[in-house]
Amino acid sequence: MGSFDLVLDDGQDKERIHMNRSYYGVYIKNKIWRELDNFSSGSICMVLASDVYDEDDYIRDYREFLTYPADC
């Protein structure tokens, strides 16, 4: 079984979560910058979303992310 790290950042605090159990999940609310790294051999990351993917809904630049208000 593989593993990876999930890094969550709200612009003030960062949290690194080591995902190494296939039966655990993480709910990520709005206005959270996330990074996935440290993938081991055999790891799989499954993402479920509430809507169809739309490229225009995503911020790709961390500095731009920091300029958005917390309530969006």
Protein backbone atom coordinates (compact mmCIF):
# COMPACT_ATOMS: atom_id res chain seq x y z
CA MET A 1 0.00 0.00 0.00
CA GLY A 2 1.34 3.45 -0.91
CA SER A 3 1.26 6.82 0.79
CA PHE A 4 1.59 10.53 0.09
CA ASP A 5 1.50 13.85 1.92
CA LEU A 6 -1.32 16.36 1.68
CA VAL A 7 -0.30 19.93 2.55
CA LEU A 8 -3.19 22.28 3.43
CA ASP A 9 -2.67 26.03 3.72
CA ASP A 10 -5.29 28.70 4.48
CA GLY A 11 -2.85 31.58 3.96
CA GLN A 12 -1.92 31.76 7.64
CA ASP A 13 -1.46 28.20 8.85
CA LYS A 14 -0.07 25.10 7.12
CA GLU A 15 -0.79 21.49 8.00
CA ARG A 16 0.88 18.41 6.51
CA ILE A 17 -1.17 15.22 6.63
CA HIS A 18 0.50 11.91 5.83
CA MET A 19 -2.06 9.82 3.96
CA ASN A 20 -1.17 6.17 4.47
CA ARG A 21 -4.50 4.43 5.07
CA SER A 22 -6.82 3.58 2.18
CA TYR A 23 -9.91 4.02 4.37
CA TYR A 24 -9.16 7.64 5.46
CA GLY A 25 -10.31 10.71 3.58
CA VAL A 26 -10.01 14.46 4.01
CA TYR A 27 -12.72 17.03 3.32
CA ILE A 28 -11.16 20.25 2.02
CA LYS A 29 -13.35 23.34 2.29
CA ASN A 30 -13.20 26.45 0.11
CA LYS A 31 -10.21 28.84 0.20
CA ILE A 32 -7.62 26.18 1.05
CA TRP A 33 -4.41 25.91 -0.96
CA ARG A 34 -3.44 22.27 -1.26
CA GLU A 35 -0.41 20.42 -2.48
CA LEU A 36 0.18 16.71 -2.92
CA ASP A 37 3.73 15.41 -2.63
CA ASN A 38 5.98 12.67 -1.32
CA PHE A 39 4.18 9.92 -3.25
CA SER A 40 5.51 6.45 -2.56
CA SER A 41 5.48 3.60 -5.02
CA GLY A 42 2.01 2.15 -5.45
CA SER A 43 0.13 5.13 -4.02
CA ILE A 44 -3.17 6.33 -5.45
CA CYS A 45 -5.00 9.58 -4.74
CA MET A 46 -8.73 9.63 -5.45
CA VAL A 47 -10.47 13.02 -5.62
CA LEU A 48 -14.24 13.47 -5.41
CA ALA A 49 -15.77 16.82 -6.33
CA SER A 50 -19.18 18.43 -5.97
CA ASP A 51 -19.22 19.74 -9.55
CA VAL A 52 -17.78 19.13 -13.01
CA TYR A 53 -14.18 20.34 -13.43
CA ASP A 54 -13.87 23.90 -14.79
CA GLU A 55 -10.35 25.29 -15.30
CA ASP A 56 -11.62 28.84 -14.66
CA ASP A 57 -12.61 27.89 -11.08
CA TYR A 58 -8.99 27.32 -10.03
CA ILE A 59 -6.19 29.61 -8.90
CA ARG A 60 -2.79 28.33 -10.00
CA ASP A 61 -0.57 31.00 -8.39
CA TYR A 62 -0.03 31.02 -4.61
CA ARG A 63 0.49 34.81 -4.44
CA GLU A 64 -2.79 35.34 -6.25
CA PHE A 65 -4.47 32.91 -3.83
CA LEU A 66 -3.32 35.04 -0.88
CA THR A 67 -5.10 38.12 -2.29
CA TYR A 68 -8.56 36.53 -2.28
CA PRO A 69 -10.85 37.30 0.67
CA ALA A 70 -11.45 34.50 3.16
CA ASP A 71 -15.18 34.40 2.46
CA CYS A 72 -15.01 33.45 -1.24
